[in-house]
Amino acid sequence: MTVKTVGTTAVTIDTSQNVGIGTTSPSQKLDVVGDARVSNTTGNKRLYLGQSTPSANDGSSLEFQNSNSQKNWAIRTNWNVGGALEFCPSSAAGGTTYTTPSAIIDSSGNLLVGKTSLGVSTQGFGGYRDWET
């Protein structure tokens, strides 16, 4: 089944009940080609999956947005530090600007807390595995 808008396929449901938006060949239960947003119509609580805001490094993000009285959080890849996974609070209560990561897992597996690169004074945990059995 397809839903068309002015001759262009907008939504496809195949025989496996996979739903495609922006694709006529969905390979998953929900296959969206393009940006997607899941939101709550009451209040400001939102969850963004993928790249919701363009950046210089074109990283992907998962953003958790709450009310204006709370810090929002983003888990991002390649945003401030190339090849890293970053955990960033918003720069202001209720803000949607994330500038300085609170924690980073860099491309070598080092965990940096309050730092953006390894150095003599960095408290990174790269290679430290005291907790493993």
N, C-alpha and C. Protein backbone atom coordinates (compact mmCIF):
# COMPACT_ATOMS: atom_id res chain seq x y z
N MET A 1 0.85 -1.17 0.00
CA MET A 1 0.00 0.00 0.00
C MET A 1 0.89 1.23 0.00
N THR A 2 0.50 2.24 -0.74
CA THR A 2 1.25 3.49 -0.74
C THR A 2 0.29 4.66 -0.55
N VAL A 3 0.81 5.70 0.05
CA VAL A 3 0.09 6.97 0.18
C VAL A 3 0.89 7.97 -0.64
N LYS A 4 0.23 8.63 -1.57
CA LYS A 4 0.93 9.56 -2.45
C LYS A 4 0.47 10.99 -2.21
N THR A 5 1.40 11.91 -2.45
CA THR A 5 1.09 13.33 -2.44
C THR A 5 1.55 13.90 -3.77
N VAL A 6 0.65 14.41 -4.56
CA VAL A 6 0.93 14.99 -5.87
C VAL A 6 1.83 14.06 -6.70
N GLY A 7 1.47 12.77 -6.76
CA GLY A 7 2.20 11.83 -7.58
C GLY A 7 3.46 11.25 -6.96
N THR A 8 3.89 11.73 -5.80
CA THR A 8 5.09 11.23 -5.14
C THR A 8 4.69 10.35 -3.97
N THR A 9 5.31 9.17 -3.86
CA THR A 9 5.02 8.27 -2.75
C THR A 9 5.49 8.88 -1.44
N ALA A 10 4.60 9.04 -0.49
CA ALA A 10 4.93 9.62 0.81
C ALA A 10 5.14 8.53 1.87
N VAL A 11 4.30 7.50 1.86
CA VAL A 11 4.37 6.42 2.84
C VAL A 11 4.14 5.10 2.12
N THR A 12 4.96 4.10 2.46
CA THR A 12 4.82 2.77 1.89
C THR A 12 4.68 1.75 3.02
N ILE A 13 3.73 0.84 2.89
CA ILE A 13 3.62 -0.29 3.81
C ILE A 13 3.74 -1.54 2.94
N ASP A 14 4.81 -2.33 3.19
CA ASP A 14 5.03 -3.50 2.34
C ASP A 14 4.32 -4.73 2.90
N THR A 15 4.48 -5.87 2.25
CA THR A 15 3.77 -7.09 2.64
C THR A 15 4.23 -7.65 3.99
N SER A 16 5.41 -7.22 4.47
CA SER A 16 5.90 -7.62 5.80
C SER A 16 5.45 -6.65 6.87
N GLN A 17 4.62 -5.70 6.50
CA GLN A 17 4.12 -4.64 7.36
C GLN A 17 5.22 -3.68 7.81
N ASN A 18 6.29 -3.57 7.02
CA ASN A 18 7.30 -2.55 7.24
C ASN A 18 6.76 -1.24 6.68
N VAL A 19 6.95 -0.17 7.42
CA VAL A 19 6.46 1.14 7.02
C VAL A 19 7.65 1.99 6.60
N GLY A 20 7.54 2.55 5.41
CA GLY A 20 8.61 3.41 4.92
C GLY A 20 8.10 4.83 4.71
N ILE A 21 8.84 5.77 5.27
CA ILE A 21 8.56 7.19 5.03
C ILE A 21 9.81 7.74 4.36
N GLY A 22 9.66 8.24 3.16
CA GLY A 22 10.81 8.72 2.41
C GLY A 22 11.52 7.60 1.67
N THR A 23 10.98 6.39 1.71
CA THR A 23 11.54 5.26 0.96
C THR A 23 10.39 4.36 0.51
N THR A 24 10.54 3.79 -0.66
CA THR A 24 9.53 2.85 -1.15
C THR A 24 9.93 1.41 -0.89
N SER A 25 11.11 1.21 -0.25
CA SER A 25 11.60 -0.13 0.08
C SER A 25 12.02 -0.20 1.54
N PRO A 26 11.07 -0.13 2.48
CA PRO A 26 11.45 -0.17 3.90
C PRO A 26 12.03 -1.53 4.29
N SER A 27 13.10 -1.50 5.10
CA SER A 27 13.75 -2.75 5.52
C SER A 27 13.56 -3.02 7.01
N GLN A 28 12.86 -2.14 7.71
CA GLN A 28 12.59 -2.29 9.15
C GLN A 28 11.12 -1.98 9.40
N LYS A 29 10.65 -2.25 10.61
CA LYS A 29 9.25 -1.95 10.94
C LYS A 29 8.94 -0.48 10.70
N LEU A 30 9.87 0.40 11.02
CA LEU A 30 9.75 1.81 10.68
C LEU A 30 11.07 2.23 10.06
N ASP A 31 11.04 2.57 8.80
CA ASP A 31 12.23 2.95 8.06
C ASP A 31 12.01 4.37 7.55
N VAL A 32 12.67 5.33 8.18
CA VAL A 32 12.51 6.73 7.83
C VAL A 32 13.79 7.20 7.15
N VAL A 33 13.65 7.71 5.95
CA VAL A 33 14.78 8.30 5.25
C VAL A 33 14.58 9.81 5.33
N GLY A 34 15.40 10.46 6.13
CA GLY A 34 15.24 11.89 6.41
C GLY A 34 15.19 12.10 7.90
N ASP A 35 14.96 13.31 8.30
CA ASP A 35 14.88 13.65 9.72
C ASP A 35 13.58 13.16 10.32
N ALA A 36 13.61 12.83 11.61
CA ALA A 36 12.42 12.39 12.32
C ALA A 36 12.42 13.03 13.70
N ARG A 37 11.26 13.26 14.24
CA ARG A 37 11.16 13.82 15.58
C ARG A 37 10.02 13.13 16.31
N VAL A 38 10.28 12.77 17.58
CA VAL A 38 9.28 12.23 18.46
C VAL A 38 9.08 13.28 19.54
N SER A 39 7.86 13.76 19.70
CA SER A 39 7.66 14.83 20.68
C SER A 39 6.35 14.66 21.43
N ASN A 40 6.25 15.42 22.48
CA ASN A 40 5.08 15.44 23.34
C ASN A 40 4.37 16.77 23.10
N THR A 41 3.09 16.75 22.81
CA THR A 41 2.38 17.99 22.51
C THR A 41 2.08 18.81 23.76
N THR A 42 2.24 18.22 24.95
CA THR A 42 2.02 18.97 26.19
C THR A 42 3.35 19.18 26.88
N GLY A 43 3.81 20.39 26.94
CA GLY A 43 5.10 20.69 27.56
C GLY A 43 6.23 20.62 26.57
N ASN A 44 7.45 20.72 27.07
CA ASN A 44 8.63 20.75 26.21
C ASN A 44 9.43 19.47 26.23
N LYS A 45 8.87 18.38 26.70
CA LYS A 45 9.62 17.13 26.78
C LYS A 45 9.75 16.52 25.39
N ARG A 46 11.01 16.35 24.94
CA ARG A 46 11.25 15.81 23.61
C ARG A 46 12.44 14.86 23.63
N LEU A 47 12.48 14.01 22.66
CA LEU A 47 13.61 13.11 22.44
C LEU A 47 13.94 13.17 20.96
N TYR A 48 15.13 13.65 20.63
CA TYR A 48 15.57 13.70 19.24
C TYR A 48 16.50 12.53 18.98
N LEU A 49 16.31 11.87 17.88
CA LEU A 49 17.19 10.78 17.46
C LEU A 49 17.88 11.22 16.17
N GLY A 50 19.17 11.00 16.10
CA GLY A 50 19.91 11.40 14.92
C GLY A 50 20.36 12.83 14.99
N GLN A 51 20.74 13.38 13.88
CA GLN A 51 21.27 14.74 13.85
C GLN A 51 20.12 15.72 13.77
N SER A 52 19.76 16.33 14.91
CA SER A 52 18.64 17.26 14.91
C SER A 52 19.09 18.68 14.61
N THR A 53 20.36 18.99 14.83
CA THR A 53 20.89 20.31 14.56
C THR A 53 22.19 20.15 13.79
N PRO A 54 22.33 20.77 12.65
CA PRO A 54 23.57 20.63 11.89
C PRO A 54 24.78 21.14 12.68
N SER A 55 25.93 20.53 12.45
CA SER A 55 27.16 20.98 13.09
C SER A 55 28.28 20.94 12.07
N ALA A 56 29.40 21.56 12.44
CA ALA A 56 30.56 21.57 11.54
C ALA A 56 31.07 20.16 11.28
N ASN A 57 30.95 19.26 12.26
CA ASN A 57 31.47 17.91 12.11
C ASN A 57 30.41 16.90 11.68
N ASP A 58 29.16 17.35 11.49
CA ASP A 58 28.07 16.48 11.07
C ASP A 58 27.91 15.25 11.95
N GLY A 59 28.04 15.42 13.26
CA GLY A 59 27.86 14.31 14.19
C GLY A 59 26.39 14.01 14.40
N SER A 60 26.09 12.81 14.87
CA SER A 60 24.73 12.44 15.22
C SER A 60 24.51 12.69 16.69
N SER A 61 23.25 12.84 17.08
CA SER A 61 22.98 13.10 18.49
C SER A 61 21.67 12.48 18.93
N LEU A 62 21.59 12.25 20.22
CA LEU A 62 20.39 11.84 20.91
C LEU A 62 20.18 12.90 21.97
N GLU A 63 19.13 13.70 21.84
CA GLU A 63 18.92 14.83 22.73
C GLU A 63 17.72 14.59 23.63
N PHE A 64 17.91 14.92 24.90
CA PHE A 64 16.86 14.82 25.90
C PHE A 64 16.50 16.23 26.33
N GLN A 65 15.31 16.69 25.96
CA GLN A 65 14.90 18.04 26.31
C GLN A 65 13.76 17.98 27.30
N ASN A 66 13.87 18.85 28.31
CA ASN A 66 12.92 18.86 29.41
C ASN A 66 12.30 20.24 29.52
N SER A 67 11.81 20.59 30.69
CA SER A 67 11.19 21.89 30.91
C SER A 67 12.26 22.98 30.98
N ASN A 68 11.86 24.22 30.96
CA ASN A 68 12.79 25.35 30.97
C ASN A 68 13.56 25.47 32.27
N SER A 69 13.16 24.78 33.32
CA SER A 69 13.87 24.90 34.59
C SER A 69 14.97 23.86 34.75
N GLN A 70 15.14 22.98 33.78
CA GLN A 70 16.12 21.90 33.88
C GLN A 70 17.16 22.02 32.77
N LYS A 71 18.34 21.49 33.05
CA LYS A 71 19.35 21.36 31.99
C LYS A 71 18.91 20.26 31.05
N ASN A 72 19.11 20.47 29.79
CA ASN A 72 18.88 19.44 28.79
C ASN A 72 20.20 18.71 28.56
N TRP A 73 20.13 17.50 28.00
CA TRP A 73 21.34 16.70 27.77
C TRP A 73 21.34 16.18 26.35
N ALA A 74 22.55 16.00 25.84
CA ALA A 74 22.72 15.40 24.52
C ALA A 74 23.85 14.38 24.59
N ILE A 75 23.66 13.26 23.94
CA ILE A 75 24.72 12.27 23.73
C ILE A 75 25.03 12.39 22.24
N ARG A 76 26.28 12.76 21.94
CA ARG A 76 26.62 13.07 20.56
C ARG A 76 27.89 12.38 20.11
N THR A 77 28.00 12.16 18.82
CA THR A 77 29.23 11.62 18.24
C THR A 77 29.87 12.69 17.38
N ASN A 78 31.20 12.78 17.47
CA ASN A 78 31.98 13.63 16.58
C ASN A 78 31.55 15.09 16.61
N TRP A 79 31.10 15.60 17.74
CA TRP A 79 30.58 16.96 17.80
C TRP A 79 31.68 17.97 18.10
N ASN A 80 32.27 17.87 19.28
CA ASN A 80 33.36 18.76 19.67
C ASN A 80 34.72 18.10 19.47
N VAL A 81 34.78 16.79 19.65
CA VAL A 81 36.02 16.03 19.54
C VAL A 81 35.81 14.95 18.48
N GLY A 82 36.54 15.03 17.37
CA GLY A 82 36.36 14.09 16.26
C GLY A 82 36.46 12.63 16.68
N GLY A 83 35.49 11.82 16.28
CA GLY A 83 35.50 10.39 16.54
C GLY A 83 35.14 10.02 17.96
N ALA A 84 34.62 10.94 18.76
CA ALA A 84 34.33 10.69 20.16
C ALA A 84 32.82 10.59 20.41
N LEU A 85 32.47 9.95 21.53
CA LEU A 85 31.11 9.93 22.04
C LEU A 85 31.08 10.92 23.19
N GLU A 86 30.21 11.92 23.13
CA GLU A 86 30.20 13.00 24.11
C GLU A 86 28.88 13.06 24.86
N PHE A 87 28.96 13.42 26.12
CA PHE A 87 27.80 13.63 26.97
C PHE A 87 27.80 15.10 27.36
N CYS A 88 26.83 15.87 26.85
CA CYS A 88 26.84 17.32 27.01
C CYS A 88 25.58 17.83 27.67
N PRO A 89 25.72 18.65 28.73
CA PRO A 89 24.55 19.36 29.25
C PRO A 89 24.33 20.61 28.43
N SER A 90 23.12 21.14 28.46
CA SER A 90 22.87 22.41 27.77
C SER A 90 23.61 23.53 28.49
N SER A 91 23.90 24.60 27.76
CA SER A 91 24.65 25.70 28.35
C SER A 91 23.79 26.56 29.27
N ALA A 92 22.48 26.38 29.26
CA ALA A 92 21.58 27.13 30.14
C ALA A 92 20.36 26.27 30.46
N ALA A 93 19.70 26.57 31.56
CA ALA A 93 18.49 25.83 31.93
C ALA A 93 17.49 25.91 30.79
N GLY A 94 17.02 24.77 30.34
CA GLY A 94 16.05 24.73 29.26
C GLY A 94 16.62 25.02 27.90
N GLY A 95 17.94 25.26 27.82
CA GLY A 95 18.55 25.62 26.55
C GLY A 95 18.72 24.44 25.62
N THR A 96 18.93 24.75 24.35
CA THR A 96 19.17 23.72 23.35
C THR A 96 20.54 23.90 22.71
N THR A 97 21.40 24.67 23.37
CA THR A 97 22.78 24.83 22.91
C THR A 97 23.67 24.00 23.82
N TYR A 98 24.46 23.12 23.22
CA TYR A 98 25.35 22.22 23.94
C TYR A 98 26.77 22.53 23.46
N THR A 99 27.60 23.08 24.35
CA THR A 99 28.91 23.49 23.88
C THR A 99 30.06 22.68 24.47
N THR A 100 30.10 22.48 25.77
CA THR A 100 31.23 21.81 26.40
C THR A 100 30.79 20.47 26.97
N PRO A 101 31.36 19.37 26.50
CA PRO A 101 30.99 18.07 27.03
C PRO A 101 31.39 17.91 28.50
N SER A 102 30.57 17.23 29.28
CA SER A 102 30.93 16.90 30.66
C SER A 102 31.77 15.64 30.70
N ALA A 103 31.54 14.74 29.75
CA ALA A 103 32.30 13.49 29.67
C ALA A 103 32.44 13.10 28.21
N ILE A 104 33.56 12.46 27.89
CA ILE A 104 33.86 12.04 26.52
C ILE A 104 34.47 10.64 26.57
N ILE A 105 34.06 9.80 25.65
CA ILE A 105 34.77 8.56 25.39
C ILE A 105 35.41 8.78 24.03
N ASP A 106 36.74 8.90 24.00
CA ASP A 106 37.40 9.21 22.74
C ASP A 106 37.57 7.97 21.87
N SER A 107 38.10 8.15 20.68
CA SER A 107 38.18 7.05 19.71
C SER A 107 39.13 5.94 20.14
N SER A 108 39.96 6.19 21.17
CA SER A 108 40.84 5.15 21.71
C SER A 108 40.24 4.45 22.91
N GLY A 109 39.02 4.85 23.31
CA GLY A 109 38.36 4.24 24.46
C GLY A 109 38.67 4.92 25.77
N ASN A 110 39.37 6.04 25.76
CA ASN A 110 39.66 6.77 26.99
C ASN A 110 38.41 7.51 27.46
N LEU A 111 38.13 7.45 28.74
CA LEU A 111 37.03 8.19 29.34
C LEU A 111 37.59 9.46 29.93
N LEU A 112 37.13 10.59 29.45
CA LEU A 112 37.58 11.88 29.95
C LEU A 112 36.41 12.56 30.64
N VAL A 113 36.60 12.99 31.86
CA VAL A 113 35.55 13.67 32.61
C VAL A 113 36.03 15.10 32.86
N GLY A 114 35.30 16.07 32.35
CA GLY A 114 35.67 17.46 32.51
C GLY A 114 36.84 17.90 31.66
N LYS A 115 37.24 17.09 30.68
CA LYS A 115 38.36 17.39 29.78
C LYS A 115 37.94 17.06 28.35
N THR A 116 38.61 17.70 27.38
CA THR A 116 38.31 17.39 25.99
C THR A 116 39.47 16.71 25.28
N SER A 117 40.61 16.56 25.98
CA SER A 117 41.74 15.84 25.38
C SER A 117 42.62 15.28 26.49
N LEU A 118 43.41 14.26 26.15
CA LEU A 118 44.33 13.67 27.10
C LEU A 118 45.51 14.60 27.34
N GLY A 119 46.02 14.61 28.54
CA GLY A 119 47.18 15.42 28.89
C GLY A 119 47.72 14.97 30.23
N VAL A 120 48.77 15.59 30.70
CA VAL A 120 49.41 15.20 31.96
C VAL A 120 48.44 15.29 33.12
N SER A 121 47.59 16.33 33.14
CA SER A 121 46.70 16.52 34.28
C SER A 121 45.31 15.90 34.06
N THR A 122 45.11 15.22 32.95
CA THR A 122 43.80 14.65 32.63
C THR A 122 43.50 13.44 33.49
N GLN A 123 42.25 13.31 33.90
CA GLN A 123 41.81 12.17 34.69
C GLN A 123 41.13 11.14 33.78
N GLY A 124 41.70 10.88 32.63
CA GLY A 124 41.15 9.89 31.71
C GLY A 124 41.36 8.49 32.27
N PHE A 125 40.54 7.53 31.87
CA PHE A 125 40.63 6.16 32.37
C PHE A 125 41.09 5.19 31.31
N GLY A 126 41.68 5.68 30.23
CA GLY A 126 42.11 4.79 29.16
C GLY A 126 43.09 3.73 29.67
N GLY A 127 42.77 2.48 29.41
CA GLY A 127 43.66 1.39 29.78
C GLY A 127 43.53 0.94 31.23
N TYR A 128 42.81 1.65 32.06
CA TYR A 128 42.66 1.30 33.47
C TYR A 128 41.46 0.38 33.63
N ARG A 129 41.71 -0.86 34.06
CA ARG A 129 40.63 -1.85 34.11
C ARG A 129 40.59 -2.54 35.47
N ASP A 130 40.72 -1.80 36.52
CA ASP A 130 40.72 -2.36 37.88
C ASP A 130 39.38 -3.00 38.23
N TRP A 131 38.28 -2.55 37.59
CA TRP A 131 36.96 -3.04 37.95
C TRP A 131 36.61 -4.36 37.25
N GLU A 132 37.41 -4.79 36.28
CA GLU A 132 37.10 -6.03 35.58
C GLU A 132 37.54 -7.25 36.40
N THR A 133 36.82 -8.35 36.22
CA THR A 133 37.17 -9.60 36.90
C THR A 133 37.74 -10.59 35.94
